Amino acid sequence: MPYVLDFYGEMAEKRLSDLARAAGMPSGAAFIQAIREQNARLGIPAGLDCIREEDIPLIAAQALRESNPLYPVPKIIGQAQCEALVAGLRKERQE
């Protein structure tokens, strides 16, 4: 979840700010950081060991096939953007 929120960035700023205020946090960035910290406390890994670079295009294509363009998201993404999101999750795991 934090990866997608980071990706949407400014497009979701108002909604993130609303969530942050409701949670007693100063900003959307603080809200995203709190999600990362909660994930760590719950043992949710920061990345996935199973993502291989050669699999990223297929993972992205399958995710896009399952998405619904009528679902209210800040921005509909394409193949390249979806691949970047998946690669970022894999990249963070390695750092």
C-alpha atoms as a PDB file:
ATOM      1  CA  MET A   1       0.000   0.000   0.000  1.00  0.00           C
ATOM      2  CA  PRO A   2       2.669   2.608   0.767  1.00  0.00           C
ATOM      3  CA  TYR A   3       4.207   2.135  -2.682  1.00  0.00           C
ATOM      4  CA  VAL A   4       0.977   2.990  -4.447  1.00  0.00           C
ATOM      5  CA  LEU A   5       0.354   5.976  -2.164  1.00  0.00           C
ATOM      6  CA  ASP A   6       3.870   7.252  -2.908  1.00  0.00           C
ATOM      7  CA  PHE A   7       3.259   6.719  -6.621  1.00  0.00           C
ATOM      8  CA  TYR A   8       0.054   8.744  -6.638  1.00  0.00           C
ATOM      9  CA  GLY A   9       1.829  11.522  -4.748  1.00  0.00           C
ATOM     10  CA  GLU A  10       0.372  14.920  -5.567  1.00  0.00           C
ATOM     11  CA  MET A  11      -2.671  13.386  -7.251  1.00  0.00           C
ATOM     12  CA  ALA A  12      -3.794  11.987  -3.901  1.00  0.00           C
ATOM     13  CA  GLU A  13      -2.412  14.762  -1.698  1.00  0.00           C
ATOM     14  CA  LYS A  14      -5.780  16.118  -0.544  1.00  0.00           C
ATOM     15  CA  ARG A  15      -7.146  12.690   0.340  1.00  0.00           C
ATOM     16  CA  LEU A  16      -3.914  11.721   2.083  1.00  0.00           C
ATOM     17  CA  SER A  17      -3.981  14.977   4.033  1.00  0.00           C
ATOM     18  CA  ASP A  18      -7.560  14.237   5.086  1.00  0.00           C
ATOM     19  CA  LEU A  19      -6.547  10.760   6.261  1.00  0.00           C
ATOM     20  CA  ALA A  20      -3.526  12.159   8.086  1.00  0.00           C
ATOM     21  CA  ARG A  21      -5.647  14.748   9.913  1.00  0.00           C
ATOM     22  CA  ALA A  22      -8.195  12.106  10.890  1.00  0.00           C
ATOM     23  CA  ALA A  23      -5.351   9.966  12.273  1.00  0.00           C
ATOM     24  CA  GLY A  24      -3.804  12.926  14.119  1.00  0.00           C
ATOM     25  CA  MET A  25      -0.782  13.190  11.834  1.00  0.00           C
ATOM     26  CA  PRO A  26       0.732  16.356  10.372  1.00  0.00           C
ATOM     27  CA  SER A  27       0.882  15.329   6.701  1.00  0.00           C
ATOM     28  CA  GLY A  28       0.181  12.733   4.060  1.00  0.00           C
ATOM     29  CA  ALA A  29       3.880  11.823   4.086  1.00  0.00           C
ATOM     30  CA  ALA A  30       3.659  11.132   7.824  1.00  0.00           C
ATOM     31  CA  PHE A  31       0.603   8.951   7.174  1.00  0.00           C
ATOM     32  CA  ILE A  32       2.487   6.895   4.567  1.00  0.00           C
ATOM     33  CA  GLN A  33       5.462   6.557   6.932  1.00  0.00           C
ATOM     34  CA  ALA A  34       3.104   5.354   9.671  1.00  0.00           C
ATOM     35  CA  ILE A  35       1.826   2.662   7.292  1.00  0.00           C
ATOM     36  CA  ARG A  36       5.412   1.554   6.616  1.00  0.00           C
ATOM     37  CA  GLU A  37       6.125   1.406  10.349  1.00  0.00           C
ATOM     38  CA  GLN A  38       2.921  -0.530  11.028  1.00  0.00           C
ATOM     39  CA  ASN A  39       3.827  -2.988   8.281  1.00  0.00           C
ATOM     40  CA  ALA A  40       7.230  -3.522   9.937  1.00  0.00           C
ATOM     41  CA  ARG A  41       5.627  -4.082  13.351  1.00  0.00           C
ATOM     42  CA  LEU A  42       3.269  -6.625  11.797  1.00  0.00           C
ATOM     43  CA  GLY A  43       6.100  -8.424  10.026  1.00  0.00           C
ATOM     44  CA  ILE A  44       4.936  -7.402   6.554  1.00  0.00           C
ATOM     45  CA  PRO A  45       8.109  -7.347   4.438  1.00  0.00           C
ATOM     46  CA  ALA A  46       9.219  -4.149   2.718  1.00  0.00           C
ATOM     47  CA  GLY A  47       9.601  -6.045  -0.537  1.00  0.00           C
ATOM     48  CA  LEU A  48       9.053  -9.405  -2.149  1.00  0.00           C
ATOM     49  CA  ASP A  49      11.908 -11.872  -2.583  1.00  0.00           C
ATOM     50  CA  CYS A  50      10.046 -13.732  -5.303  1.00  0.00           C
ATOM     51  CA  ILE A  51       9.939 -10.941  -7.895  1.00  0.00           C
ATOM     52  CA  ARG A  52      12.378 -11.617 -10.689  1.00  0.00           C
ATOM     53  CA  GLU A  53      13.211  -8.818 -13.082  1.00  0.00           C
ATOM     54  CA  GLU A  54      12.202 -10.911 -16.089  1.00  0.00           C
ATOM     55  CA  ASP A  55       8.743 -11.453 -14.563  1.00  0.00           C
ATOM     56  CA  ILE A  56       7.902  -7.776 -14.066  1.00  0.00           C
ATOM     57  CA  PRO A  57       6.233  -7.191 -17.490  1.00  0.00           C
ATOM     58  CA  LEU A  58       3.973 -10.222 -17.007  1.00  0.00           C
ATOM     59  CA  ILE A  59       3.065  -9.272 -13.410  1.00  0.00           C
ATOM     60  CA  ALA A  60       2.184  -5.751 -14.564  1.00  0.00           C
ATOM     61  CA  ALA A  61       0.126  -6.992 -17.517  1.00  0.00           C
ATOM     62  CA  GLN A  62      -1.839  -9.371 -15.310  1.00  0.00           C
ATOM     63  CA  ALA A  63      -2.453  -6.661 -12.704  1.00  0.00           C
ATOM     64  CA  LEU A  64      -3.754  -4.308 -15.395  1.00  0.00           C
ATOM     65  CA  ARG A  65      -6.093  -6.992 -16.746  1.00  0.00           C
ATOM     66  CA  GLU A  66      -7.594  -7.403 -13.273  1.00  0.00           C
ATOM     67  CA  SER A  67      -8.020  -3.679 -12.658  1.00  0.00           C
ATOM     68  CA  ASN A  68     -11.328  -1.921 -13.093  1.00  0.00           C
ATOM     69  CA  PRO A  69     -11.221   1.491 -14.818  1.00  0.00           C
ATOM     70  CA  LEU A  70     -14.433   2.441 -13.026  1.00  0.00           C
ATOM     71  CA  TYR A  71     -12.809   2.093  -9.596  1.00  0.00           C
ATOM     72  CA  PRO A  72     -12.152   5.561  -8.145  1.00  0.00           C
ATOM     73  CA  VAL A  73      -8.380   6.017  -8.259  1.00  0.00           C
ATOM     74  CA  PRO A  74      -6.461   9.277  -8.712  1.00  0.00           C
ATOM     75  CA  LYS A  75      -4.983   8.111 -12.013  1.00  0.00           C
ATOM     76  CA  ILE A  76      -5.344   5.151 -14.364  1.00  0.00           C
ATOM     77  CA  ILE A  77      -1.877   3.760 -15.066  1.00  0.00           C
ATOM     78  CA  GLY A  78      -0.477   1.981 -18.063  1.00  0.00           C
ATOM     79  CA  GLN A  79       1.929  -0.910 -18.544  1.00  0.00           C
ATOM     80  CA  ALA A  80       5.143   1.094 -18.086  1.00  0.00           C
ATOM     81  CA  GLN A  81       3.918   2.755 -14.898  1.00  0.00           C
ATOM     82  CA  CYS A  82       2.696  -0.540 -13.484  1.00  0.00           C
ATOM     83  CA  GLU A  83       6.055  -2.132 -14.278  1.00  0.00           C
ATOM     84  CA  ALA A  84       7.789   0.738 -12.460  1.00  0.00           C
ATOM     85  CA  LEU A  85       5.636   0.129  -9.377  1.00  0.00           C
ATOM     86  CA  VAL A  86       6.439  -3.584  -9.361  1.00  0.00           C
ATOM     87  CA  ALA A  87      10.131  -2.928  -9.995  1.00  0.00           C
ATOM     88  CA  GLY A  88      10.166  -0.427  -7.121  1.00  0.00           C
ATOM     89  CA  LEU A  89       8.825  -3.024  -4.749  1.00  0.00           C
ATOM     90  CA  ARG A  90      11.519  -5.427  -5.882  1.00  0.00           C
ATOM     91  CA  LYS A  91      14.213  -2.737  -5.790  1.00  0.00           C
ATOM     92  CA  GLU A  92      13.368  -1.667  -2.232  1.00  0.00           C
ATOM     93  CA  ARG A  93      13.704  -5.254  -1.079  1.00  0.00           C
ATOM     94  CA  GLN A  94      17.284  -5.347  -2.345  1.00  0.00           C
ATOM     95  CA  GLU A  95      18.437  -2.098  -0.728  1.00  0.00           C
END
